[in-house]
Full PDB file with SEQRES, HELIX, SHEET, SSBOND, CRYST1, ORIGX, SCALE, CONECT and MASTER records, all heavy atoms in Angstrom:
SEQRES   1 A   39  ALA GLY TRP ILE ASP ARG SER MET ALA TYR ALA ASN ARG          
SEQRES   2 A   39  TYR ALA ARG ARG TYR LEU ARG SER PRO TYR ALA SER GLN          
SEQRES   3 A   39  PHE ALA ASP LEU PHE VAL LYS LEU ALA VAL ASP HIS PHE          
HELIX    1 AA1 ILE A    4  ARG A   17  1                                  14    
HELIX    2 AA2 ALA A   24  ASP A   37  1                                  14    
CRYST1    1.000    1.000    1.000  90.00  90.00  90.00 P 1           1          
ORIGX1      1.000000  0.000000  0.000000        0.00000                         
ORIGX2      0.000000  1.000000  0.000000        0.00000                         
ORIGX3      0.000000  0.000000  1.000000        0.00000                         
SCALE1      1.000000  0.000000  0.000000        0.00000                         
SCALE2      0.000000  1.000000  0.000000        0.00000                         
SCALE3      0.000000  0.000000  1.000000        0.00000                         
ATOM      1  N   ALA A   1       0.805  -1.192  -0.035  1.00  0.00           N  
ATOM      2  CA  ALA A   1      -0.034   0.047  -0.025  1.00  0.00           C  
ATOM      3  C   ALA A   1       0.839   1.269  -0.018  1.00  0.00           C  
ATOM      4  O   ALA A   1       0.300   2.301  -0.089  1.00  0.00           O  
ATOM      5  CB  ALA A   1      -0.969  -0.017   1.252  1.00  0.00           C  
ATOM      6  N   GLY A   2       2.183   1.052   0.188  1.00  0.00           N  
ATOM      7  CA  GLY A   2       3.059   2.192   0.154  1.00  0.00           C  
ATOM      8  C   GLY A   2       3.140   2.877   1.535  1.00  0.00           C  
ATOM      9  O   GLY A   2       3.695   4.004   1.663  1.00  0.00           O  
ATOM     10  N   TRP A   3       2.679   2.277   2.558  1.00  0.00           N  
ATOM     11  CA  TRP A   3       2.821   2.728   3.948  1.00  0.00           C  
ATOM     12  C   TRP A   3       4.108   2.315   4.559  1.00  0.00           C  
ATOM     13  O   TRP A   3       4.177   1.375   5.386  1.00  0.00           O  
ATOM     14  CB  TRP A   3       1.672   2.277   4.761  1.00  0.00           C  
ATOM     15  CG  TRP A   3       0.312   2.733   4.237  1.00  0.00           C  
ATOM     16  CD1 TRP A   3       0.039   3.856   3.594  1.00  0.00           C  
ATOM     17  CD2 TRP A   3      -0.875   1.936   4.195  1.00  0.00           C  
ATOM     18  NE1 TRP A   3      -1.314   3.865   3.103  1.00  0.00           N  
ATOM     19  CE2 TRP A   3      -1.897   2.727   3.496  1.00  0.00           C  
ATOM     20  CE3 TRP A   3      -1.255   0.688   4.742  1.00  0.00           C  
ATOM     21  CZ2 TRP A   3      -3.233   2.303   3.387  1.00  0.00           C  
ATOM     22  CZ3 TRP A   3      -2.504   0.235   4.550  1.00  0.00           C  
ATOM     23  CH2 TRP A   3      -3.540   1.033   3.923  1.00  0.00           C  
ATOM     24  N   ILE A   4       5.172   2.926   4.097  1.00  0.00           N  
ATOM     25  CA  ILE A   4       6.558   2.487   4.387  1.00  0.00           C  
ATOM     26  C   ILE A   4       6.905   2.430   5.799  1.00  0.00           C  
ATOM     27  O   ILE A   4       7.536   1.534   6.352  1.00  0.00           O  
ATOM     28  CB  ILE A   4       7.613   3.267   3.559  1.00  0.00           C  
ATOM     29  CG1 ILE A   4       7.173   3.399   2.030  1.00  0.00           C  
ATOM     30  CG2 ILE A   4       8.963   2.607   3.586  1.00  0.00           C  
ATOM     31  CD1 ILE A   4       6.931   1.980   1.379  1.00  0.00           C  
ATOM     32  N   ASP A   5       6.595   3.538   6.521  1.00  0.00           N  
ATOM     33  CA  ASP A   5       6.955   3.718   7.934  1.00  0.00           C  
ATOM     34  C   ASP A   5       6.201   2.546   8.712  1.00  0.00           C  
ATOM     35  O   ASP A   5       6.876   1.973   9.556  1.00  0.00           O  
ATOM     36  CB  ASP A   5       6.424   5.041   8.481  1.00  0.00           C  
ATOM     37  CG  ASP A   5       7.312   6.126   7.887  1.00  0.00           C  
ATOM     38  OD1 ASP A   5       8.442   5.911   7.408  1.00  0.00           O  
ATOM     39  OD2 ASP A   5       6.887   7.309   7.952  1.00  0.00           O  
ATOM     40  N   ARG A   6       4.966   2.325   8.384  1.00  0.00           N  
ATOM     41  CA  ARG A   6       4.212   1.270   9.157  1.00  0.00           C  
ATOM     42  C   ARG A   6       4.919  -0.116   8.816  1.00  0.00           C  
ATOM     43  O   ARG A   6       5.037  -0.963   9.726  1.00  0.00           O  
ATOM     44  CB  ARG A   6       2.763   1.190   8.737  1.00  0.00           C  
ATOM     45  CG  ARG A   6       2.104   2.438   9.304  1.00  0.00           C  
ATOM     46  CD  ARG A   6       0.512   2.277   8.971  1.00  0.00           C  
ATOM     47  NE  ARG A   6      -0.028   1.324   9.856  1.00  0.00           N  
ATOM     48  CZ  ARG A   6      -1.402   1.111   9.906  1.00  0.00           C  
ATOM     49  NH1 ARG A   6      -2.234   1.819   9.193  1.00  0.00           N  
ATOM     50  NH2 ARG A   6      -1.897   0.153  10.755  1.00  0.00           N  
ATOM     51  N   SER A   7       5.204  -0.391   7.555  1.00  0.00           N  
ATOM     52  CA  SER A   7       5.797  -1.637   7.128  1.00  0.00           C  
ATOM     53  C   SER A   7       7.129  -1.862   7.893  1.00  0.00           C  
ATOM     54  O   SER A   7       7.437  -3.053   8.328  1.00  0.00           O  
ATOM     55  CB  SER A   7       6.105  -1.592   5.601  1.00  0.00           C  
ATOM     56  OG  SER A   7       6.387  -2.908   5.224  1.00  0.00           O  
ATOM     57  N   MET A   8       7.961  -0.757   7.889  1.00  0.00           N  
ATOM     58  CA  MET A   8       9.232  -0.973   8.676  1.00  0.00           C  
ATOM     59  C   MET A   8       9.092  -1.205  10.214  1.00  0.00           C  
ATOM     60  O   MET A   8       9.750  -1.857  10.754  1.00  0.00           O  
ATOM     61  CB  MET A   8      10.052   0.231   8.432  1.00  0.00           C  
ATOM     62  CG  MET A   8      10.592   0.354   6.891  1.00  0.00           C  
ATOM     63  SD  MET A   8      11.696  -0.932   6.601  1.00  0.00           S  
ATOM     64  CE  MET A   8      13.225  -0.506   7.501  1.00  0.00           C  
ATOM     65  N   ALA A   9       8.026  -0.575  10.662  1.00  0.00           N  
ATOM     66  CA  ALA A   9       7.663  -0.805  12.129  1.00  0.00           C  
ATOM     67  C   ALA A   9       7.361  -2.126  12.402  1.00  0.00           C  
ATOM     68  O   ALA A   9       7.816  -2.834  13.353  1.00  0.00           O  
ATOM     69  CB  ALA A   9       6.613   0.248  12.552  1.00  0.00           C  
ATOM     70  N   TYR A  10       6.498  -2.739  11.473  1.00  0.00           N  
ATOM     71  CA  TYR A  10       6.103  -4.149  11.588  1.00  0.00           C  
ATOM     72  C   TYR A  10       7.312  -5.021  11.514  1.00  0.00           C  
ATOM     73  O   TYR A  10       7.511  -6.029  12.268  1.00  0.00           O  
ATOM     74  CB  TYR A  10       5.113  -4.572  10.609  1.00  0.00           C  
ATOM     75  CG  TYR A  10       3.663  -3.961  10.791  1.00  0.00           C  
ATOM     76  CD1 TYR A  10       3.088  -3.273   9.831  1.00  0.00           C  
ATOM     77  CD2 TYR A  10       3.045  -3.968  12.072  1.00  0.00           C  
ATOM     78  CE1 TYR A  10       1.772  -2.757   9.962  1.00  0.00           C  
ATOM     79  CE2 TYR A  10       1.794  -3.442  12.266  1.00  0.00           C  
ATOM     80  CZ  TYR A  10       1.192  -2.794  11.179  1.00  0.00           C  
ATOM     81  OH  TYR A  10      -0.027  -2.170  11.346  1.00  0.00           O  
ATOM     82  N   ALA A  11       8.131  -4.792  10.499  1.00  0.00           N  
ATOM     83  CA  ALA A  11       9.373  -5.635  10.259  1.00  0.00           C  
ATOM     84  C   ALA A  11      10.311  -5.504  11.435  1.00  0.00           C  
ATOM     85  O   ALA A  11      10.877  -6.566  11.882  1.00  0.00           O  
ATOM     86  CB  ALA A  11      10.117  -5.069   8.962  1.00  0.00           C  
ATOM     87  N   ASN A  12      10.425  -4.336  12.113  1.00  0.00           N  
ATOM     88  CA  ASN A  12      11.295  -4.253  13.301  1.00  0.00           C  
ATOM     89  C   ASN A  12      10.772  -5.108  14.429  1.00  0.00           C  
ATOM     90  O   ASN A  12      11.620  -5.756  15.122  1.00  0.00           O  
ATOM     91  CB  ASN A  12      11.357  -2.704  13.686  1.00  0.00           C  
ATOM     92  CG  ASN A  12      12.379  -2.442  14.736  1.00  0.00           C  
ATOM     93  OD1 ASN A  12      12.344  -2.951  15.861  1.00  0.00           O  
ATOM     94  ND2 ASN A  12      13.403  -1.650  14.338  1.00  0.00           N  
ATOM     95  N   ARG A  13       9.436  -5.049  14.681  1.00  0.00           N  
ATOM     96  CA  ARG A  13       8.867  -5.852  15.654  1.00  0.00           C  
ATOM     97  C   ARG A  13       9.080  -7.357  15.428  1.00  0.00           C  
ATOM     98  O   ARG A  13       9.404  -8.143  16.323  1.00  0.00           O  
ATOM     99  CB  ARG A  13       7.341  -5.571  15.855  1.00  0.00           C  
ATOM    100  CG  ARG A  13       7.030  -4.226  16.347  1.00  0.00           C  
ATOM    101  CD  ARG A  13       5.627  -4.065  16.686  1.00  0.00           C  
ATOM    102  NE  ARG A  13       5.244  -2.713  17.146  1.00  0.00           N  
ATOM    103  CZ  ARG A  13       4.694  -1.809  16.421  1.00  0.00           C  
ATOM    104  NH1 ARG A  13       4.432  -2.076  15.173  1.00  0.00           N  
ATOM    105  NH2 ARG A  13       4.420  -0.613  16.869  1.00  0.00           N  
ATOM    106  N   TYR A  14       8.928  -7.736  14.150  1.00  0.00           N  
ATOM    107  CA  TYR A  14       9.055  -9.215  13.807  1.00  0.00           C  
ATOM    108  C   TYR A  14      10.464  -9.563  14.104  1.00  0.00           C  
ATOM    109  O   TYR A  14      10.808 -10.671  14.658  1.00  0.00           O  
ATOM    110  CB  TYR A  14       8.668  -9.437  12.426  1.00  0.00           C  
ATOM    111  CG  TYR A  14       8.580 -10.905  12.073  1.00  0.00           C  
ATOM    112  CD1 TYR A  14       7.337 -11.522  11.991  1.00  0.00           C  
ATOM    113  CD2 TYR A  14       9.807 -11.648  11.820  1.00  0.00           C  
ATOM    114  CE1 TYR A  14       7.251 -12.884  11.708  1.00  0.00           C  
ATOM    115  CE2 TYR A  14       9.677 -13.064  11.519  1.00  0.00           C  
ATOM    116  CZ  TYR A  14       8.415 -13.601  11.441  1.00  0.00           C  
ATOM    117  OH  TYR A  14       8.381 -15.042  11.263  1.00  0.00           O  
ATOM    118  N   ALA A  15      11.400  -8.667  13.660  1.00  0.00           N  
ATOM    119  CA  ALA A  15      12.858  -9.134  13.772  1.00  0.00           C  
ATOM    120  C   ALA A  15      13.234  -9.232  15.319  1.00  0.00           C  
ATOM    121  O   ALA A  15      14.141 -10.022  15.618  1.00  0.00           O  
ATOM    122  CB  ALA A  15      13.741  -8.097  13.096  1.00  0.00           C  
ATOM    123  N   ARG A  16      12.653  -8.454  16.138  1.00  0.00           N  
ATOM    124  CA  ARG A  16      12.920  -8.559  17.546  1.00  0.00           C  
ATOM    125  C   ARG A  16      12.507  -9.694  18.180  1.00  0.00           C  
ATOM    126  O   ARG A  16      12.961 -10.222  19.174  1.00  0.00           O  
ATOM    127  CB  ARG A  16      12.410  -7.220  18.235  1.00  0.00           C  
ATOM    128  CG  ARG A  16      13.073  -5.948  17.902  1.00  0.00           C  
ATOM    129  CD  ARG A  16      12.275  -4.755  18.592  1.00  0.00           C  
ATOM    130  NE  ARG A  16      12.907  -3.520  18.276  1.00  0.00           N  
ATOM    131  CZ  ARG A  16      13.715  -2.930  19.040  1.00  0.00           C  
ATOM    132  NH1 ARG A  16      14.164  -3.494  20.160  1.00  0.00           N  
ATOM    133  NH2 ARG A  16      14.251  -1.732  18.683  1.00  0.00           N  
ATOM    134  N   ARG A  17      11.370 -10.313  17.761  1.00  0.00           N  
ATOM    135  CA  ARG A  17      10.639 -11.378  18.415  1.00  0.00           C  
ATOM    136  C   ARG A  17      10.685 -12.789  17.728  1.00  0.00           C  
ATOM    137  O   ARG A  17      10.684 -13.788  18.385  1.00  0.00           O  
ATOM    138  CB  ARG A  17       9.200 -10.898  18.561  1.00  0.00           C  
ATOM    139  CG  ARG A  17       9.081  -9.595  19.345  1.00  0.00           C  
ATOM    140  CD  ARG A  17       7.534  -9.340  19.437  1.00  0.00           C  
ATOM    141  NE  ARG A  17       7.423  -7.865  20.025  1.00  0.00           N  
ATOM    142  CZ  ARG A  17       6.283  -7.343  20.249  1.00  0.00           C  
ATOM    143  NH1 ARG A  17       5.178  -7.998  19.981  1.00  0.00           N  
ATOM    144  NH2 ARG A  17       6.194  -6.081  20.733  1.00  0.00           N  
ATOM    145  N   TYR A  18      10.687 -12.804  16.465  1.00  0.00           N  
ATOM    146  CA  TYR A  18      10.342 -14.056  15.769  1.00  0.00           C  
ATOM    147  C   TYR A  18      11.361 -14.598  14.674  1.00  0.00           C  
ATOM    148  O   TYR A  18      10.965 -15.303  13.821  1.00  0.00           O  
ATOM    149  CB  TYR A  18       8.969 -14.015  15.124  1.00  0.00           C  
ATOM    150  CG  TYR A  18       7.838 -13.781  16.153  1.00  0.00           C  
ATOM    151  CD1 TYR A  18       7.192 -12.594  16.234  1.00  0.00           C  
ATOM    152  CD2 TYR A  18       7.446 -14.738  17.063  1.00  0.00           C  
ATOM    153  CE1 TYR A  18       6.189 -12.373  17.141  1.00  0.00           C  
ATOM    154  CE2 TYR A  18       6.472 -14.641  17.980  1.00  0.00           C  
ATOM    155  CZ  TYR A  18       5.864 -13.359  18.096  1.00  0.00           C  
ATOM    156  OH  TYR A  18       4.896 -13.217  18.995  1.00  0.00           O  
ATOM    157  N   LEU A  19      12.577 -14.134  14.916  1.00  0.00           N  
ATOM    158  CA  LEU A  19      13.591 -14.549  13.747  1.00  0.00           C  
ATOM    159  C   LEU A  19      13.772 -16.028  13.889  1.00  0.00           C  
ATOM    160  O   LEU A  19      14.334 -16.589  12.935  1.00  0.00           O  
ATOM    161  CB  LEU A  19      14.893 -13.798  14.038  1.00  0.00           C  
ATOM    162  CG  LEU A  19      14.837 -12.382  13.520  1.00  0.00           C  
ATOM    163  CD1 LEU A  19      16.226 -11.769  13.730  1.00  0.00           C  
ATOM    164  CD2 LEU A  19      14.505 -12.235  11.990  1.00  0.00           C  
ATOM    165  N   ARG A  20      13.414 -16.767  14.968  1.00  0.00           N  
ATOM    166  CA  ARG A  20      13.669 -18.203  15.097  1.00  0.00           C  
ATOM    167  C   ARG A  20      12.452 -18.959  14.694  1.00  0.00           C  
ATOM    168  O   ARG A  20      12.453 -20.163  14.806  1.00  0.00           O  
ATOM    169  CB  ARG A  20      14.091 -18.560  16.426  1.00  0.00           C  
ATOM    170  CG  ARG A  20      15.496 -17.906  16.827  1.00  0.00           C  
ATOM    171  CD  ARG A  20      16.061 -18.428  18.122  1.00  0.00           C  
ATOM    172  NE  ARG A  20      16.270 -19.963  18.053  1.00  0.00           N  
ATOM    173  CZ  ARG A  20      17.396 -20.467  17.529  1.00  0.00           C  
ATOM    174  NH1 ARG A  20      18.244 -19.731  17.069  1.00  0.00           N  
ATOM    175  NH2 ARG A  20      17.542 -21.865  17.602  1.00  0.00           N  
ATOM    176  N   SER A  21      11.378 -18.290  14.189  1.00  0.00           N  
ATOM    177  CA  SER A  21      10.156 -18.953  13.753  1.00  0.00           C  
ATOM    178  C   SER A  21      10.483 -19.692  12.480  1.00  0.00           C  
ATOM    179  O   SER A  21      11.298 -19.311  11.678  1.00  0.00           O  
ATOM    180  CB  SER A  21       9.086 -17.919  13.436  1.00  0.00           C  
ATOM    181  OG  SER A  21       7.984 -18.515  12.770  1.00  0.00           O  
ATOM    182  N   PRO A  22       9.767 -20.892  12.234  1.00  0.00           N  
ATOM    183  CA  PRO A  22       9.975 -21.610  11.057  1.00  0.00           C  
ATOM    184  C   PRO A  22       9.504 -20.911   9.812  1.00  0.00           C  
ATOM    185  O   PRO A  22       9.727 -21.223   8.748  1.00  0.00           O  
ATOM    186  CB  PRO A  22       9.097 -22.892  11.227  1.00  0.00           C  
ATOM    187  CG  PRO A  22       8.253 -22.556  12.319  1.00  0.00           C  
ATOM    188  CD  PRO A  22       8.936 -21.626  13.186  1.00  0.00           C  
ATOM    189  N   TYR A  23       8.731 -19.793  10.069  1.00  0.00           N  
ATOM    190  CA  TYR A  23       8.260 -18.988   9.062  1.00  0.00           C  
ATOM    191  C   TYR A  23       9.043 -17.738   8.697  1.00  0.00           C  
ATOM    192  O   TYR A  23       8.677 -16.881   7.947  1.00  0.00           O  
ATOM    193  CB  TYR A  23       6.765 -18.510   9.292  1.00  0.00           C  
ATOM    194  CG  TYR A  23       5.756 -19.532   9.630  1.00  0.00           C  
ATOM    195  CD1 TYR A  23       5.345 -19.772  10.959  1.00  0.00           C  
ATOM    196  CD2 TYR A  23       5.434 -20.526   8.693  1.00  0.00           C  
ATOM    197  CE1 TYR A  23       4.467 -20.702  11.301  1.00  0.00           C  
ATOM    198  CE2 TYR A  23       4.511 -21.525   9.054  1.00  0.00           C  
ATOM    199  CZ  TYR A  23       4.081 -21.660  10.308  1.00  0.00           C  
ATOM    200  OH  TYR A  23       3.238 -22.676  10.656  1.00  0.00           O  
ATOM    201  N   ALA A  24      10.192 -17.677   9.455  1.00  0.00           N  
ATOM    202  CA  ALA A  24      11.089 -16.417   9.250  1.00  0.00           C  
ATOM    203  C   ALA A  24      11.682 -16.282   7.845  1.00  0.00           C  
ATOM    204  O   ALA A  24      11.999 -15.140   7.517  1.00  0.00           O  
ATOM    205  CB  ALA A  24      12.186 -16.487  10.312  1.00  0.00           C  
ATOM    206  N   SER A  25      11.758 -17.421   7.147  1.00  0.00           N  
ATOM    207  CA  SER A  25      12.195 -17.330   5.780  1.00  0.00           C  
ATOM    208  C   SER A  25      11.230 -16.439   4.899  1.00  0.00           C  
ATOM    209  O   SER A  25      11.626 -15.704   4.071  1.00  0.00           O  
ATOM    210  CB  SER A  25      12.316 -18.702   5.206  1.00  0.00           C  
ATOM    211  OG  SER A  25      12.790 -18.578   3.839  1.00  0.00           O  
ATOM    212  N   GLN A  26       9.879 -16.562   5.143  1.00  0.00           N  
ATOM    213  CA  GLN A  26       8.947 -15.747   4.483  1.00  0.00           C  
ATOM    214  C   GLN A  26       9.133 -14.340   4.746  1.00  0.00           C  
ATOM    215  O   GLN A  26       9.068 -13.344   4.027  1.00  0.00           O  
ATOM    216  CB  GLN A  26       7.559 -16.268   4.846  1.00  0.00           C  
ATOM    217  CG  GLN A  26       7.156 -17.550   4.070  1.00  0.00           C  
ATOM    218  CD  GLN A  26       5.744 -17.954   4.386  1.00  0.00           C  
ATOM    219  OE1 GLN A  26       4.950 -17.095   4.825  1.00  0.00           O  
ATOM    220  NE2 GLN A  26       5.390 -19.217   4.071  1.00  0.00           N  
ATOM    221  N   PHE A  27       9.440 -14.005   6.088  1.00  0.00           N  
ATOM    222  CA  PHE A  27       9.648 -12.661   6.589  1.00  0.00           C  
ATOM    223  C   PHE A  27      10.955 -12.118   5.783  1.00  0.00           C  
ATOM    224  O   PHE A  27      10.825 -10.914   5.414  1.00  0.00           O  
ATOM    225  CB  PHE A  27      10.028 -12.637   8.094  1.00  0.00           C  
ATOM    226  CG  PHE A  27      10.696 -11.414   8.479  1.00  0.00           C  
ATOM    227  CD1 PHE A  27      10.023 -10.193   8.514  1.00  0.00           C  
ATOM    228  CD2 PHE A  27      12.054 -11.476   8.883  1.00  0.00           C  
ATOM    229  CE1 PHE A  27      10.804  -9.013   8.954  1.00  0.00           C  
ATOM    230  CE2 PHE A  27      12.747 -10.369   9.266  1.00  0.00           C  
ATOM    231  CZ  PHE A  27      11.981  -9.065   9.334  1.00  0.00           C  
ATOM    232  N   ALA A  28      11.944 -12.940   5.622  1.00  0.00           N  
ATOM    233  CA  ALA A  28      13.079 -12.418   4.904  1.00  0.00           C  
ATOM    234  C   ALA A  28      12.765 -12.057   3.457  1.00  0.00           C  
ATOM    235  O   ALA A  28      13.154 -11.019   2.998  1.00  0.00           O  
ATOM    236  CB  ALA A  28      14.206 -13.581   4.957  1.00  0.00           C  
ATOM    237  N   ASP A  29      11.904 -12.911   2.836  1.00  0.00           N  
ATOM    238  CA  ASP A  29      11.472 -12.556   1.401  1.00  0.00           C  
ATOM    239  C   ASP A  29      10.745 -11.260   1.412  1.00  0.00           C  
ATOM    240  O   ASP A  29      10.962 -10.470   0.501  1.00  0.00           O  
ATOM    241  CB  ASP A  29      10.630 -13.655   0.922  1.00  0.00           C  
ATOM    242  CG  ASP A  29      11.424 -14.975   0.554  1.00  0.00           C  
ATOM    243  OD1 ASP A  29      12.595 -14.800   0.274  1.00  0.00           O  
ATOM    244  OD2 ASP A  29      10.801 -16.051   0.504  1.00  0.00           O  
ATOM    245  N   LEU A  30       9.915 -11.047   2.379  1.00  0.00           N  
ATOM    246  CA  LEU A  30       9.055  -9.855   2.428  1.00  0.00           C  
ATOM    247  C   LEU A  30       9.921  -8.646   2.673  1.00  0.00           C  
ATOM    248  O   LEU A  30       9.656  -7.542   2.107  1.00  0.00           O  
ATOM    249  CB  LEU A  30       7.902  -9.880   3.466  1.00  0.00           C  
ATOM    250  CG  LEU A  30       6.829 -11.018   3.178  1.00  0.00           C  
ATOM    251  CD1 LEU A  30       6.013 -11.220   4.433  1.00  0.00           C  
ATOM    252  CD2 LEU A  30       5.967 -10.615   1.992  1.00  0.00           C  
ATOM    253  N   PHE A  31      10.898  -8.804   3.613  1.00  0.00           N  
ATOM    254  CA  PHE A  31      11.739  -7.627   3.986  1.00  0.00           C  
ATOM    255  C   PHE A  31      12.599  -7.269   2.712  1.00  0.00           C  
ATOM    256  O   PHE A  31      12.801  -6.085   2.522  1.00  0.00           O  
ATOM    257  CB  PHE A  31      12.541  -7.938   5.158  1.00  0.00           C  
ATOM    258  CG  PHE A  31      13.468  -6.830   5.584  1.00  0.00           C  
ATOM    259  CD1 PHE A  31      13.011  -5.692   6.118  1.00  0.00           C  
ATOM    260  CD2 PHE A  31      14.935  -7.064   5.523  1.00  0.00           C  
ATOM    261  CE1 PHE A  31      13.794  -4.641   6.387  1.00  0.00           C  
ATOM    262  CE2 PHE A  31      15.730  -6.039   5.825  1.00  0.00           C  
ATOM    263  CZ  PHE A  31      15.261  -4.812   6.307  1.00  0.00           C  
ATOM    264  N   VAL A  32      13.233  -8.261   2.058  1.00  0.00           N  
ATOM    265  CA  VAL A  32      14.003  -8.006   0.937  1.00  0.00           C  
ATOM    266  C   VAL A  32      13.214  -7.255  -0.134  1.00  0.00           C  
ATOM    267  O   VAL A  32      13.604  -6.311  -0.694  1.00  0.00           O  
ATOM    268  CB  VAL A  32      14.542  -9.346   0.345  1.00  0.00           C  
ATOM    269  CG1 VAL A  32      15.129  -9.143  -1.024  1.00  0.00           C  
ATOM    270  CG2 VAL A  32      15.571  -9.846   1.249  1.00  0.00           C  
ATOM    271  N   LYS A  33      11.973  -7.687  -0.402  1.00  0.00           N  
ATOM    272  CA  LYS A  33      11.138  -7.058  -1.431  1.00  0.00           C  
ATOM    273  C   LYS A  33      10.858  -5.580  -0.913  1.00  0.00           C  
ATOM    274  O   LYS A  33      10.806  -4.648  -1.763  1.00  0.00           O  
ATOM    275  CB  LYS A  33       9.855  -7.828  -1.598  1.00  0.00           C  
ATOM    276  CG  LYS A  33       8.993  -7.251  -2.757  1.00  0.00           C  
ATOM    277  CD  LYS A  33       7.787  -8.153  -3.052  1.00  0.00           C  
ATOM    278  CE  LYS A  33       6.999  -7.736  -4.279  1.00  0.00           C  
ATOM    279  NZ  LYS A  33       6.554  -6.366  -4.078  1.00  0.00           N  
ATOM    280  N   LEU A  34      10.505  -5.427   0.361  1.00  0.00           N  
ATOM    281  CA  LEU A  34      10.278  -4.049   0.815  1.00  0.00           C  
ATOM    282  C   LEU A  34      11.503  -3.182   0.624  1.00  0.00           C  
ATOM    283  O   LEU A  34      11.235  -2.012   0.164  1.00  0.00           O  
ATOM    284  CB  LEU A  34       9.975  -4.152   2.351  1.00  0.00           C  
ATOM    285  CG  LEU A  34       9.975  -2.904   3.198  1.00  0.00           C  
ATOM    286  CD1 LEU A  34       8.850  -1.940   2.721  1.00  0.00           C  
ATOM    287  CD2 LEU A  34       9.779  -3.190   4.678  1.00  0.00           C  
ATOM    288  N   ALA A  35      12.639  -3.735   0.965  1.00  0.00           N  
ATOM    289  CA  ALA A  35      13.850  -2.821   0.798  1.00  0.00           C  
ATOM    290  C   ALA A  35      14.172  -2.526  -0.669  1.00  0.00           C  
ATOM    291  O   ALA A  35      14.510  -1.391  -0.998  1.00  0.00           O  
ATOM    292  CB  ALA A  35      15.138  -3.642   1.466  1.00  0.00           C  
ATOM    293  N   VAL A  36      13.863  -3.502  -1.486  1.00  0.00           N  
ATOM    294  CA  VAL A  36      14.252  -3.268  -2.993  1.00  0.00           C  
ATOM    295  C   VAL A  36      13.173  -2.330  -3.612  1.00  0.00           C  
ATOM    296  O   VAL A  36      13.494  -1.422  -4.358  1.00  0.00           O  
ATOM    297  CB  VAL A  36      14.264  -4.557  -3.817  1.00  0.00           C  
ATOM    298  CG1 VAL A  36      14.427  -4.386  -5.314  1.00  0.00           C  
ATOM    299  CG2 VAL A  36      15.464  -5.392  -3.260  1.00  0.00           C  
ATOM    300  N   ASP A  37      11.908  -2.582  -3.331  1.00  0.00           N  
ATOM    301  CA  ASP A  37      10.794  -1.794  -3.892  1.00  0.00           C  
ATOM    302  C   ASP A  37      10.867  -0.330  -3.404  1.00  0.00           C  
ATOM    303  O   ASP A  37      10.439   0.635  -4.172  1.00  0.00           O  
ATOM    304  CB  ASP A  37       9.418  -2.262  -3.633  1.00  0.00           C  
ATOM    305  CG  ASP A  37       9.222  -3.739  -4.407  1.00  0.00           C  
ATOM    306  OD1 ASP A  37      10.000  -3.982  -5.227  1.00  0.00           O  
ATOM    307  OD2 ASP A  37       8.201  -4.379  -4.019  1.00  0.00           O  
ATOM    308  N   HIS A  38      11.284  -0.144  -2.243  1.00  0.00           N  
ATOM    309  CA  HIS A  38      11.152   1.273  -1.639  1.00  0.00           C  
ATOM    310  C   HIS A  38      12.500   1.756  -1.006  1.00  0.00           C  
ATOM    311  O   HIS A  38      12.550   2.595  -0.196  1.00  0.00           O  
ATOM    312  CB  HIS A  38      10.154   1.187  -0.516  1.00  0.00           C  
ATOM    313  CG  HIS A  38       8.793   0.757  -0.841  1.00  0.00           C  
ATOM    314  ND1 HIS A  38       7.889   1.461  -1.563  1.00  0.00           N  
ATOM    315  CD2 HIS A  38       8.129  -0.471  -0.625  1.00  0.00           C  
ATOM    316  CE1 HIS A  38       6.794   0.715  -1.740  1.00  0.00           C  
ATOM    317  NE2 HIS A  38       6.946  -0.422  -1.201  1.00  0.00           N  
ATOM    318  N   PHE A  39      13.625   1.346  -1.745  1.00  0.00           N  
ATOM    319  CA  PHE A  39      14.852   1.740  -1.257  1.00  0.00           C  
ATOM    320  C   PHE A  39      15.081   3.232  -1.293  1.00  0.00           C  
ATOM    321  O   PHE A  39      15.740   3.768  -0.246  1.00  0.00           O  
ATOM    322  CB  PHE A  39      15.955   1.136  -2.200  1.00  0.00           C  
ATOM    323  CG  PHE A  39      17.375   1.473  -1.857  1.00  0.00           C  
ATOM    324  CD1 PHE A  39      17.914   1.075  -0.787  1.00  0.00           C  
ATOM    325  CD2 PHE A  39      18.219   2.207  -2.761  1.00  0.00           C  
ATOM    326  CE1 PHE A  39      19.196   1.409  -0.355  1.00  0.00           C  
ATOM    327  CE2 PHE A  39      19.436   2.647  -2.455  1.00  0.00           C  
ATOM    328  CZ  PHE A  39      20.008   2.167  -1.239  1.00  0.00           C  
TER     329      PHE A  39                                                      
MASTER        0    0    0    2    0    0    0    6  328    1    0    3          
END                                                                             
């Protein structure tokens, strides 16, 4: 949606809490796309 600040805030919370989740690889894909699309 282009709400970059909110997206980064969610990514920050996820990285603080759930990097050891089995779904963290999906987070990595989403974060990479976020960084590339809105660099």
